[in-house]
Amino acid sequence: MTKIIFDSGISLDGFFAGDHRSPHNPMGGVSGLIHSWMFNQKAFWEYLGYEGGKEDGQDGRLIRETIDRTGSFIMGKRMFEEGEVSWPNDLYKADVYVLTHEKRDPWVQDGTTTFYFINDGIDSALEKAKQSAKGKDVRVQGGANTIQQFLNAGLVDEFFIHITPVFLGSGIRLFDGINKDLYDLTIAEVIPSELTTHLKYKLTRKY
């Protein structure tokens, strides 16, 4: 059965991204700090189609499991604009639904990635993403505001967060503005690692 998930790295003080984000400064320049655990894994570079990474351990297993279960993606316009200028061709290897007010034809890449630009909200994007996922999960990729929208709409079934032992001090927090009364949360898994701590939560709506 299709689940709605997200899988995000954050700093120890809860930030998803830094300040002054732009296409020339993706994630506010903090990706190397928050995602160092991921860049260290061979599984990450295999997914991109490159050789790289020093390790192939438990962190790599989690990367592969998340890739294997994901059938489609949803993201916000800001995240798309930051990545469009630098992402390799066919990065996502699935359909990606971009929430935006911009009217634009689908961007069909070589391979199996197509970006669709959705102008009528998260419910429309989710319906289309579920159809594309064909029984696999729909992953809300980001940014933080898009994840918050799905959480506050009561649509998220489970999520992984990867907490990196670094303080950013400022930036964009992942869980700002969340309706604290909407879900019961259960810790499903805790996996310690050298560069991060993986936490898996399952969510059940209260109403």
N, C-alpha and C. Protein backbone atom coordinates (compact mmCIF):
# COMPACT_ATOMS: atom_id res chain seq x y z
N MET A 1 0.84 -1.19 0.00
CA MET A 1 0.00 0.00 0.00
C MET A 1 0.88 1.25 0.00
N THR A 2 0.52 2.22 -0.80
CA THR A 2 1.31 3.45 -0.91
C THR A 2 1.26 4.24 0.40
N LYS A 3 2.43 4.65 0.86
CA LYS A 3 2.53 5.53 2.02
C LYS A 3 3.09 6.88 1.57
N ILE A 4 2.77 7.90 2.35
CA ILE A 4 3.31 9.23 2.11
C ILE A 4 4.41 9.44 3.14
N ILE A 5 5.62 9.66 2.66
CA ILE A 5 6.79 9.70 3.54
C ILE A 5 7.64 10.93 3.24
N PHE A 6 8.51 11.27 4.16
CA PHE A 6 9.63 12.14 3.83
C PHE A 6 10.86 11.62 4.55
N ASP A 7 12.01 12.03 4.07
CA ASP A 7 13.29 11.52 4.55
C ASP A 7 14.27 12.69 4.48
N SER A 8 14.57 13.28 5.65
CA SER A 8 15.28 14.57 5.64
C SER A 8 16.40 14.60 6.67
N GLY A 9 17.47 15.28 6.31
CA GLY A 9 18.54 15.57 7.25
C GLY A 9 18.32 16.91 7.91
N ILE A 10 18.65 17.00 9.20
CA ILE A 10 18.57 18.27 9.91
C ILE A 10 19.79 18.42 10.82
N SER A 11 20.04 19.64 11.23
CA SER A 11 21.09 19.89 12.22
C SER A 11 20.57 19.54 13.61
N LEU A 12 21.47 19.50 14.58
CA LEU A 12 21.08 19.17 15.94
C LEU A 12 20.11 20.19 16.52
N ASP A 13 20.20 21.44 16.06
CA ASP A 13 19.25 22.45 16.52
C ASP A 13 18.05 22.62 15.58
N GLY A 14 17.82 21.62 14.73
CA GLY A 14 16.55 21.51 14.03
C GLY A 14 16.43 22.17 12.68
N PHE A 15 17.55 22.60 12.08
CA PHE A 15 17.46 23.32 10.81
C PHE A 15 17.61 22.38 9.62
N PHE A 16 16.72 22.56 8.66
CA PHE A 16 16.69 21.81 7.41
C PHE A 16 17.62 22.43 6.37
N ALA A 17 17.75 23.76 6.43
CA ALA A 17 18.57 24.51 5.47
C ALA A 17 19.06 25.78 6.14
N GLY A 18 20.05 26.41 5.52
CA GLY A 18 20.63 27.62 6.07
C GLY A 18 19.96 28.88 5.53
N ASP A 19 20.58 30.01 5.79
CA ASP A 19 20.07 31.29 5.32
C ASP A 19 20.49 31.56 3.87
N HIS A 20 19.81 32.52 3.26
CA HIS A 20 20.20 33.06 1.94
C HIS A 20 20.22 31.98 0.86
N ARG A 21 19.15 31.18 0.83
CA ARG A 21 19.04 30.14 -0.19
C ARG A 21 18.79 30.77 -1.56
N SER A 22 19.37 30.16 -2.59
CA SER A 22 19.14 30.59 -3.96
C SER A 22 19.67 29.49 -4.88
N PRO A 23 19.37 29.57 -6.19
CA PRO A 23 19.94 28.58 -7.11
C PRO A 23 21.47 28.55 -7.09
N HIS A 24 22.08 29.66 -6.71
CA HIS A 24 23.55 29.70 -6.65
C HIS A 24 24.06 29.40 -5.24
N ASN A 25 23.14 29.18 -4.31
CA ASN A 25 23.51 28.84 -2.94
C ASN A 25 22.49 27.85 -2.38
N PRO A 26 22.41 26.62 -2.99
CA PRO A 26 21.40 25.66 -2.58
C PRO A 26 21.49 25.33 -1.09
N MET A 27 20.32 25.23 -0.47
CA MET A 27 20.21 24.91 0.96
C MET A 27 20.95 25.90 1.85
N GLY A 28 21.22 27.07 1.33
CA GLY A 28 21.94 28.06 2.12
C GLY A 28 23.38 27.67 2.40
N GLY A 29 23.91 26.78 1.57
CA GLY A 29 25.32 26.40 1.68
C GLY A 29 25.64 25.39 2.78
N VAL A 30 24.61 24.75 3.36
CA VAL A 30 24.87 23.86 4.50
C VAL A 30 24.74 22.38 4.16
N SER A 31 24.56 22.06 2.88
CA SER A 31 24.36 20.66 2.51
C SER A 31 25.52 19.77 2.96
N GLY A 32 26.74 20.27 2.82
CA GLY A 32 27.91 19.49 3.22
C GLY A 32 27.96 19.19 4.70
N LEU A 33 27.36 20.06 5.50
CA LEU A 33 27.31 19.84 6.95
C LEU A 33 26.22 18.84 7.32
N ILE A 34 25.03 19.04 6.78
CA ILE A 34 23.89 18.22 7.17
C ILE A 34 23.94 16.84 6.54
N HIS A 35 24.46 16.74 5.31
CA HIS A 35 24.40 15.48 4.58
C HIS A 35 25.76 14.79 4.44
N SER A 36 26.71 15.13 5.28
CA SER A 36 28.03 14.51 5.17
C SER A 36 27.96 13.00 5.32
N TRP A 37 27.07 12.51 6.18
CA TRP A 37 26.92 11.06 6.36
C TRP A 37 26.54 10.38 5.05
N MET A 38 25.69 11.04 4.28
CA MET A 38 25.20 10.48 3.03
C MET A 38 26.28 10.51 1.95
N PHE A 39 27.00 11.63 1.88
CA PHE A 39 28.05 11.76 0.87
C PHE A 39 29.17 10.74 1.10
N ASN A 40 29.25 10.21 2.30
CA ASN A 40 30.29 9.24 2.65
C ASN A 40 29.96 7.84 2.16
N GLN A 41 28.74 7.62 1.70
CA GLN A 41 28.27 6.28 1.37
C GLN A 41 28.32 5.99 -0.13
N LYS A 42 28.81 4.81 -0.47
CA LYS A 42 28.86 4.40 -1.87
C LYS A 42 27.46 4.34 -2.47
N ALA A 43 26.46 3.99 -1.67
CA ALA A 43 25.09 3.88 -2.18
C ALA A 43 24.59 5.20 -2.75
N PHE A 44 24.97 6.31 -2.13
CA PHE A 44 24.54 7.62 -2.61
C PHE A 44 25.11 7.89 -4.00
N TRP A 45 26.38 7.63 -4.17
CA TRP A 45 27.03 7.91 -5.46
C TRP A 45 26.58 6.92 -6.53
N GLU A 46 26.28 5.69 -6.15
CA GLU A 46 25.73 4.73 -7.11
C GLU A 46 24.40 5.24 -7.66
N TYR A 47 23.60 5.82 -6.78
CA TYR A 47 22.31 6.34 -7.20
C TYR A 47 22.48 7.46 -8.24
N LEU A 48 23.53 8.25 -8.07
CA LEU A 48 23.81 9.32 -9.04
C LEU A 48 24.48 8.81 -10.31
N GLY A 49 24.94 7.57 -10.29
CA GLY A 49 25.62 7.00 -11.44
C GLY A 49 27.11 7.27 -11.46
N TYR A 50 27.68 7.58 -10.29
CA TYR A 50 29.11 7.87 -10.19
C TYR A 50 29.78 6.90 -9.22
N GLU A 51 31.09 6.83 -9.32
CA GLU A 51 31.87 6.14 -8.30
C GLU A 51 32.23 7.15 -7.21
N GLY A 52 32.17 6.71 -5.99
CA GLY A 52 32.48 7.62 -4.89
C GLY A 52 32.05 7.01 -3.57
N GLY A 53 32.40 7.69 -2.51
CA GLY A 53 32.06 7.21 -1.18
C GLY A 53 33.13 6.31 -0.61
N LYS A 54 33.25 6.37 0.69
CA LYS A 54 34.28 5.57 1.38
C LYS A 54 33.70 4.33 2.06
N GLU A 55 32.39 4.33 2.30
CA GLU A 55 31.80 3.27 3.11
C GLU A 55 30.57 2.68 2.43
N ASP A 56 30.24 1.47 2.85
CA ASP A 56 29.03 0.81 2.38
C ASP A 56 28.45 0.03 3.55
N GLY A 57 27.97 0.78 4.54
CA GLY A 57 27.52 0.16 5.78
C GLY A 57 26.03 0.33 6.00
N GLN A 58 25.65 0.44 7.27
CA GLN A 58 24.25 0.58 7.64
C GLN A 58 23.63 1.83 7.03
N ASP A 59 24.39 2.92 6.97
CA ASP A 59 23.88 4.14 6.35
C ASP A 59 23.52 3.90 4.89
N GLY A 60 24.38 3.15 4.20
CA GLY A 60 24.12 2.83 2.80
C GLY A 60 22.88 1.96 2.63
N ARG A 61 22.67 1.06 3.56
CA ARG A 61 21.47 0.22 3.51
C ARG A 61 20.22 1.09 3.59
N LEU A 62 20.23 2.07 4.48
CA LEU A 62 19.07 2.94 4.61
C LEU A 62 18.82 3.75 3.33
N ILE A 63 19.90 4.22 2.71
CA ILE A 63 19.76 4.95 1.45
C ILE A 63 19.11 4.08 0.39
N ARG A 64 19.59 2.84 0.26
CA ARG A 64 19.04 1.94 -0.76
C ARG A 64 17.59 1.59 -0.47
N GLU A 65 17.25 1.37 0.80
CA GLU A 65 15.87 1.04 1.15
C GLU A 65 14.92 2.18 0.81
N THR A 66 15.35 3.41 1.08
CA THR A 66 14.50 4.55 0.76
C THR A 66 14.33 4.71 -0.74
N ILE A 67 15.41 4.52 -1.49
CA ILE A 67 15.33 4.59 -2.95
C ILE A 67 14.37 3.52 -3.48
N ASP A 68 14.51 2.29 -2.98
CA ASP A 68 13.72 1.17 -3.50
C ASP A 68 12.23 1.32 -3.22
N ARG A 69 11.87 1.97 -2.12
CA ARG A 69 10.46 2.06 -1.77
C ARG A 69 9.76 3.26 -2.40
N THR A 70 10.53 4.18 -2.97
CA THR A 70 9.97 5.42 -3.51
C THR A 70 9.54 5.25 -4.96
N GLY A 71 8.27 5.59 -5.23
CA GLY A 71 7.76 5.48 -6.60
C GLY A 71 7.56 6.79 -7.30
N SER A 72 7.49 7.88 -6.54
CA SER A 72 7.35 9.22 -7.12
C SER A 72 7.69 10.25 -6.04
N PHE A 73 7.86 11.50 -6.48
CA PHE A 73 8.29 12.57 -5.59
C PHE A 73 7.38 13.78 -5.73
N ILE A 74 7.31 14.55 -4.63
CA ILE A 74 6.67 15.86 -4.65
C ILE A 74 7.65 16.86 -4.04
N MET A 75 7.76 18.03 -4.66
CA MET A 75 8.64 19.06 -4.09
C MET A 75 8.06 20.44 -4.36
N GLY A 76 8.56 21.42 -3.64
CA GLY A 76 8.16 22.80 -3.84
C GLY A 76 8.97 23.48 -4.93
N LYS A 77 8.45 24.60 -5.40
CA LYS A 77 9.10 25.33 -6.48
C LYS A 77 10.50 25.80 -6.09
N ARG A 78 10.65 26.22 -4.82
CA ARG A 78 11.95 26.75 -4.40
C ARG A 78 13.03 25.67 -4.46
N MET A 79 12.70 24.48 -4.00
CA MET A 79 13.67 23.39 -4.06
C MET A 79 14.00 23.05 -5.51
N PHE A 80 12.97 23.02 -6.36
CA PHE A 80 13.21 22.72 -7.76
C PHE A 80 14.12 23.76 -8.40
N GLU A 81 13.87 25.03 -8.13
CA GLU A 81 14.68 26.08 -8.74
C GLU A 81 16.13 26.02 -8.28
N GLU A 82 16.34 25.64 -7.02
CA GLU A 82 17.72 25.51 -6.54
C GLU A 82 18.44 24.36 -7.22
N GLY A 83 17.72 23.29 -7.51
CA GLY A 83 18.36 22.11 -8.08
C GLY A 83 18.43 22.08 -9.58
N GLU A 84 17.52 22.77 -10.24
CA GLU A 84 17.42 22.69 -11.70
C GLU A 84 18.74 23.03 -12.39
N VAL A 85 19.48 23.96 -11.84
CA VAL A 85 20.70 24.42 -12.50
C VAL A 85 21.88 23.46 -12.30
N SER A 86 21.75 22.53 -11.36
CA SER A 86 22.93 21.71 -11.05
C SER A 86 22.67 20.21 -10.96
N TRP A 87 21.42 19.79 -10.84
CA TRP A 87 21.16 18.35 -10.74
C TRP A 87 21.58 17.62 -12.00
N PRO A 88 22.15 16.42 -11.86
CA PRO A 88 22.46 15.62 -13.05
C PRO A 88 21.18 15.13 -13.71
N ASN A 89 21.28 14.83 -14.99
CA ASN A 89 20.13 14.30 -15.72
C ASN A 89 19.63 13.02 -15.07
N ASP A 90 18.32 12.87 -15.01
CA ASP A 90 17.68 11.66 -14.50
C ASP A 90 18.06 11.36 -13.05
N LEU A 91 18.17 12.42 -12.24
CA LEU A 91 18.53 12.23 -10.83
C LEU A 91 17.49 11.40 -10.10
N TYR A 92 16.21 11.69 -10.32
CA TYR A 92 15.17 11.08 -9.49
C TYR A 92 14.67 9.73 -9.99
N LYS A 93 14.83 9.48 -11.29
CA LYS A 93 14.47 8.18 -11.85
C LYS A 93 13.01 7.81 -11.57
N ALA A 94 12.17 8.82 -11.55
CA ALA A 94 10.74 8.66 -11.30
C ALA A 94 10.07 9.98 -11.64
N ASP A 95 8.74 9.98 -11.61
CA ASP A 95 8.02 11.23 -11.84
C ASP A 95 8.14 12.13 -10.62
N VAL A 96 8.32 13.43 -10.87
CA VAL A 96 8.46 14.43 -9.81
C VAL A 96 7.39 15.50 -10.04
N TYR A 97 6.60 15.78 -9.01
CA TYR A 97 5.52 16.76 -9.10
C TYR A 97 5.93 18.01 -8.33
N VAL A 98 6.05 19.12 -9.04
CA VAL A 98 6.55 20.37 -8.48
C VAL A 98 5.37 21.30 -8.22
N LEU A 99 5.22 21.72 -6.96
CA LEU A 99 4.15 22.65 -6.58
C LEU A 99 4.57 24.07 -6.96
N THR A 100 3.81 24.70 -7.82
CA THR A 100 4.20 26.01 -8.33
C THR A 100 2.98 26.74 -8.89
N HIS A 101 3.07 28.06 -9.00
CA HIS A 101 2.06 28.85 -9.70
C HIS A 101 2.43 29.03 -11.18
N GLU A 102 3.65 28.64 -11.52
CA GLU A 102 4.12 28.78 -12.90
C GLU A 102 3.48 27.71 -13.79
N LYS A 103 2.95 28.12 -14.92
CA LYS A 103 2.42 27.16 -15.90
C LYS A 103 3.55 26.78 -16.85
N ARG A 104 3.82 25.50 -16.93
CA ARG A 104 4.98 25.04 -17.69
C ARG A 104 4.73 23.62 -18.16
N ASP A 105 5.15 23.32 -19.37
CA ASP A 105 5.03 21.97 -19.88
C ASP A 105 5.94 21.02 -19.09
N PRO A 106 5.58 19.74 -19.04
CA PRO A 106 6.45 18.78 -18.34
C PRO A 106 7.87 18.80 -18.91
N TRP A 107 8.82 18.61 -18.02
CA TRP A 107 10.23 18.52 -18.42
C TRP A 107 10.61 17.05 -18.43
N VAL A 108 10.67 16.48 -19.62
CA VAL A 108 10.96 15.05 -19.78
C VAL A 108 12.47 14.90 -19.98
N GLN A 109 13.13 14.24 -19.07
CA GLN A 109 14.57 14.05 -19.15
C GLN A 109 14.90 12.72 -19.81
N ASP A 110 16.13 12.60 -20.30
CA ASP A 110 16.61 11.31 -20.76
C ASP A 110 16.61 10.35 -19.57
N GLY A 111 16.06 9.16 -19.76
CA GLY A 111 15.97 8.22 -18.66
C GLY A 111 14.52 8.09 -18.21
N THR A 112 14.29 8.13 -16.91
CA THR A 112 12.94 7.88 -16.39
C THR A 112 12.43 9.01 -15.49
N THR A 113 13.08 10.17 -15.51
CA THR A 113 12.63 11.31 -14.71
C THR A 113 11.83 12.29 -15.57
N THR A 114 10.62 12.60 -15.12
CA THR A 114 9.82 13.67 -15.72
C THR A 114 9.32 14.58 -14.61
N PHE A 115 9.52 15.87 -14.78
CA PHE A 115 9.02 16.87 -13.84
C PHE A 115 7.68 17.41 -14.36
N TYR A 116 6.66 17.33 -13.50
CA TYR A 116 5.35 17.90 -13.82
C TYR A 116 5.11 19.09 -12.89
N PHE A 117 4.54 20.15 -13.44
CA PHE A 117 4.38 21.39 -12.70
C PHE A 117 2.90 21.56 -12.35
N ILE A 118 2.61 21.49 -11.05
CA ILE A 118 1.24 21.41 -10.55
C ILE A 118 0.82 22.77 -9.99
N ASN A 119 -0.28 23.30 -10.52
CA ASN A 119 -0.73 24.65 -10.16
C ASN A 119 -1.93 24.67 -9.22
N ASP A 120 -2.46 23.48 -8.86
CA ASP A 120 -3.70 23.47 -8.09
C ASP A 120 -3.58 22.74 -6.75
N GLY A 121 -2.39 22.83 -6.12
CA GLY A 121 -2.28 22.45 -4.73
C GLY A 121 -1.80 21.05 -4.44
N ILE A 122 -1.64 20.79 -3.15
CA ILE A 122 -1.02 19.54 -2.71
C ILE A 122 -1.91 18.33 -2.94
N ASP A 123 -3.22 18.48 -2.85
CA ASP A 123 -4.09 17.32 -3.06
C ASP A 123 -4.00 16.83 -4.50
N SER A 124 -3.98 17.76 -5.43
CA SER A 124 -3.84 17.39 -6.84
C SER A 124 -2.49 16.72 -7.10
N ALA A 125 -1.43 17.31 -6.54
CA ALA A 125 -0.10 16.71 -6.71
C ALA A 125 -0.05 15.31 -6.13
N LEU A 126 -0.66 15.13 -4.96
CA LEU A 126 -0.63 13.82 -4.30
C LEU A 126 -1.40 12.78 -5.10
N GLU A 127 -2.55 13.16 -5.62
CA GLU A 127 -3.33 12.21 -6.41
C GLU A 127 -2.53 11.73 -7.62
N LYS A 128 -1.88 12.66 -8.31
CA LYS A 128 -1.10 12.30 -9.49
C LYS A 128 0.13 11.47 -9.09
N ALA A 129 0.78 11.86 -7.99
CA ALA A 129 1.98 11.14 -7.54
C ALA A 129 1.65 9.71 -7.14
N LYS A 130 0.50 9.51 -6.50
CA LYS A 130 0.09 8.15 -6.13
C LYS A 130 -0.11 7.28 -7.36
N GLN A 131 -0.71 7.86 -8.40
CA GLN A 131 -0.90 7.09 -9.63
C GLN A 131 0.44 6.71 -10.24
N SER A 132 1.38 7.64 -10.22
CA SER A 132 2.71 7.37 -10.79
C SER A 132 3.48 6.34 -9.97
N ALA A 133 3.25 6.34 -8.65
CA ALA A 133 4.03 5.47 -7.76
C ALA A 133 3.74 4.00 -7.96
N LYS A 134 2.56 3.66 -8.47
CA LYS A 134 2.18 2.28 -8.78
C LYS A 134 2.41 1.34 -7.60
N GLY A 135 1.91 1.75 -6.45
CA GLY A 135 1.99 0.90 -5.26
C GLY A 135 3.18 1.17 -4.38
N LYS A 136 4.18 1.85 -4.90
CA LYS A 136 5.30 2.26 -4.06
C LYS A 136 4.92 3.52 -3.30
N ASP A 137 5.85 4.06 -2.53
CA ASP A 137 5.56 5.21 -1.69
C ASP A 137 5.77 6.52 -2.44
N VAL A 138 5.04 7.55 -1.99
CA VAL A 138 5.24 8.91 -2.48
C VAL A 138 6.13 9.62 -1.46
N ARG A 139 7.23 10.17 -1.95
CA ARG A 139 8.17 10.85 -1.06
C ARG A 139 8.07 12.36 -1.25
N VAL A 140 7.74 13.05 -0.16
CA VAL A 140 7.74 14.51 -0.17
C VAL A 140 9.18 14.95 0.05
N GLN A 141 9.80 15.45 -1.01
CA GLN A 141 11.23 15.68 -1.00
C GLN A 141 11.63 16.96 -0.27
N GLY A 142 10.77 17.95 -0.29
CA GLY A 142 11.11 19.23 0.33
C GLY A 142 10.70 20.38 -0.57
N GLY A 143 11.06 21.59 -0.18
CA GLY A 143 11.76 21.94 1.03
C GLY A 143 10.89 21.84 2.27
N ALA A 144 11.37 22.50 3.32
CA ALA A 144 10.72 22.40 4.62
C ALA A 144 9.27 22.85 4.57
N ASN A 145 8.98 23.94 3.85
CA ASN A 145 7.62 24.44 3.79
C ASN A 145 6.67 23.43 3.16
N THR A 146 7.13 22.74 2.13
CA THR A 146 6.30 21.72 1.48
C THR A 146 6.04 20.56 2.42
N ILE A 147 7.06 20.12 3.14
CA ILE A 147 6.87 19.05 4.13
C ILE A 147 5.88 19.50 5.20
N GLN A 148 5.99 20.74 5.65
CA GLN A 148 5.07 21.27 6.66
C GLN A 148 3.63 21.28 6.16
N GLN A 149 3.44 21.61 4.90
CA GLN A 149 2.09 21.61 4.33
C GLN A 149 1.48 20.22 4.39
N PHE A 150 2.26 19.21 4.04
CA PHE A 150 1.74 17.85 4.05
C PHE A 150 1.50 17.35 5.47
N LEU A 151 2.38 17.71 6.39
CA LEU A 151 2.15 17.35 7.78
C LEU A 151 0.87 17.98 8.31
N ASN A 152 0.70 19.27 8.08
CA ASN A 152 -0.46 19.98 8.62
C ASN A 152 -1.77 19.60 7.93
N ALA A 153 -1.67 18.98 6.76
CA ALA A 153 -2.86 18.46 6.09
C ALA A 153 -3.20 17.04 6.56
N GLY A 154 -2.37 16.50 7.45
CA GLY A 154 -2.62 15.16 7.97
C GLY A 154 -2.35 14.04 6.97
N LEU A 155 -1.43 14.27 6.06
CA LEU A 155 -1.22 13.33 4.95
C LEU A 155 0.01 12.43 5.09
N VAL A 156 0.83 12.66 6.10
CA VAL A 156 2.09 11.92 6.21
C VAL A 156 1.90 10.67 7.05
N ASP A 157 2.40 9.54 6.55
CA ASP A 157 2.29 8.26 7.26
C ASP A 157 3.52 7.95 8.10
N GLU A 158 4.69 8.28 7.60
CA GLU A 158 5.92 8.05 8.36
C GLU A 158 7.04 8.89 7.79
N PHE A 159 8.09 9.06 8.62
CA PHE A 159 9.24 9.81 8.12
C PHE A 159 10.51 9.36 8.83
N PHE A 160 11.61 9.55 8.12
CA PHE A 160 12.96 9.42 8.67
C PHE A 160 13.55 10.82 8.82
N ILE A 161 14.18 11.09 9.94
CA ILE A 161 15.05 12.26 10.03
C ILE A 161 16.44 11.79 10.41
N HIS A 162 17.42 12.46 9.91
CA HIS A 162 18.83 12.13 10.15
C HIS A 162 19.45 13.35 10.83
N ILE A 163 19.73 13.22 12.10
CA ILE A 163 20.18 14.36 12.90
C ILE A 163 21.70 14.40 12.94
N THR A 164 22.25 15.42 12.33
CA THR A 164 23.70 15.57 12.26
C THR A 164 24.20 16.38 13.46
N PRO A 165 25.28 15.95 14.10
CA PRO A 165 25.77 16.65 15.30
C PRO A 165 26.49 17.95 14.97
N VAL A 166 25.71 18.92 14.53
CA VAL A 166 26.24 20.25 14.22
C VAL A 166 25.17 21.28 14.54
N PHE A 167 25.58 22.42 15.08
CA PHE A 167 24.67 23.54 15.31
C PHE A 167 24.80 24.53 14.16
N LEU A 168 23.67 24.92 13.57
CA LEU A 168 23.69 25.95 12.53
C LEU A 168 23.38 27.33 13.08
N GLY A 169 22.55 27.40 14.11
CA GLY A 169 22.26 28.67 14.75
C GLY A 169 21.15 29.47 14.11
N SER A 170 20.98 29.33 12.80
CA SER A 170 19.90 30.04 12.09
C SER A 170 19.64 29.31 10.79
N GLY A 171 18.52 29.68 10.15
CA GLY A 171 18.16 29.05 8.89
C GLY A 171 16.69 28.72 8.86
N ILE A 172 16.34 27.64 8.17
CA ILE A 172 14.96 27.21 8.00
C ILE A 172 14.75 25.92 8.80
N ARG A 173 13.87 25.97 9.77
CA ARG A 173 13.60 24.80 10.61
C ARG A 173 12.60 23.86 9.91
N LEU A 174 12.83 22.57 10.10
CA LEU A 174 11.97 21.59 9.45
C LEU A 174 10.57 21.58 10.05
N PHE A 175 10.45 21.74 11.37
CA PHE A 175 9.16 21.53 12.02
C PHE A 175 8.51 22.82 12.52
N ASP A 176 8.84 23.95 11.95
CA ASP A 176 8.17 25.20 12.31
C ASP A 176 6.69 25.14 11.92
N GLY A 177 5.84 25.64 12.82
CA GLY A 177 4.44 25.82 12.49
C GLY A 177 3.63 24.55 12.38
N ILE A 178 4.10 23.46 12.99
CA ILE A 178 3.39 22.18 12.89
C ILE A 178 2.23 22.13 13.88
N ASN A 179 1.10 21.60 13.44
CA ASN A 179 -0.05 21.37 14.31
C ASN A 179 0.30 20.23 15.27
N LYS A 180 0.57 20.57 16.51
CA LYS A 180 1.07 19.59 17.48
C LYS A 180 0.00 18.60 17.93
N ASP A 181 -1.27 18.90 17.64
CA ASP A 181 -2.37 18.07 18.12
C ASP A 181 -2.91 17.10 17.07
N LEU A 182 -2.33 17.08 15.89
CA LEU A 182 -2.92 16.33 14.79
C LEU A 182 -2.58 14.85 14.81
N TYR A 183 -1.38 14.50 15.27
CA TYR A 183 -0.89 13.12 15.18
C TYR A 183 -0.53 12.55 16.55
N ASP A 184 -0.62 11.23 16.64
CA ASP A 184 0.14 10.46 17.61
C ASP A 184 1.39 9.96 16.90
N LEU A 185 2.56 10.20 17.49
CA LEU A 185 3.82 9.79 16.88
C LEU A 185 4.41 8.62 17.66
N THR A 186 4.94 7.65 16.92
CA THR A 186 5.58 6.48 17.50
C THR A 186 6.99 6.37 16.95
N ILE A 187 7.96 6.21 17.83
CA ILE A 187 9.33 5.96 17.38
C ILE A 187 9.41 4.51 16.90
N ALA A 188 9.65 4.34 15.61
CA ALA A 188 9.69 3.00 15.03
C ALA A 188 11.09 2.42 14.99
N GLU A 189 12.11 3.30 14.92
CA GLU A 189 13.48 2.80 14.79
C GLU A 189 14.45 3.91 15.15
N VAL A 190 15.52 3.53 15.84
CA VAL A 190 16.61 4.45 16.15
C VAL A 190 17.90 3.75 15.76
N ILE A 191 18.66 4.37 14.87
CA ILE A 191 19.90 3.76 14.38
C ILE A 191 21.04 4.75 14.55
N PRO A 192 21.94 4.48 15.48
CA PRO A 192 23.10 5.38 15.64
C PRO A 192 24.11 5.15 14.53
N SER A 193 24.84 6.19 14.22
CA SER A 193 25.86 6.13 13.18
C SER A 193 26.97 7.10 13.54
N GLU A 194 28.08 7.00 12.86
CA GLU A 194 29.23 7.82 13.19
C GLU A 194 28.98 9.30 12.92
N LEU A 195 28.25 9.61 11.85
CA LEU A 195 28.08 10.99 11.43
C LEU A 195 26.66 11.52 11.61
N THR A 196 25.72 10.67 12.03
CA THR A 196 24.34 11.10 12.20
C THR A 196 23.62 10.12 13.09
N THR A 197 22.39 10.46 13.47
CA THR A 197 21.49 9.54 14.15
C THR A 197 20.21 9.44 13.33
N HIS A 198 19.85 8.23 12.93
CA HIS A 198 18.66 8.01 12.11
C HIS A 198 17.47 7.72 13.03
N LEU A 199 16.40 8.46 12.83
CA LEU A 199 15.18 8.25 13.61
C LEU A 199 14.00 8.05 12.66
N LYS A 200 13.28 6.96 12.85
CA LYS A 200 12.10 6.68 12.04
C LYS A 200 10.86 6.82 12.90
N TYR A 201 9.89 7.60 12.43
CA TYR A 201 8.64 7.82 13.15
C TYR A 201 7.46 7.36 12.30
N LYS A 202 6.49 6.78 12.97
CA LYS A 202 5.21 6.47 12.33
C LYS A 202 4.16 7.42 12.91
N LEU A 203 3.25 7.87 12.05
CA LEU A 203 2.26 8.86 12.44
C LEU A 203 0.85 8.28 12.30
N THR A 204 0.03 8.53 13.30
CA THR A 204 -1.38 8.16 13.25
C THR A 204 -2.21 9.41 13.55
N ARG A 205 -3.13 9.72 12.66
CA ARG A 205 -3.97 10.90 12.86
C ARG A 205 -4.92 10.70 14.03
N LYS A 206 -5.06 11.72 14.84
CA LYS A 206 -6.00 11.67 15.96
C LYS A 206 -7.42 11.95 15.50
N TYR A 207 -7.57 12.71 14.44
CA TYR A 207 -8.92 13.05 13.96
C TYR A 207 -8.87 13.37 12.48
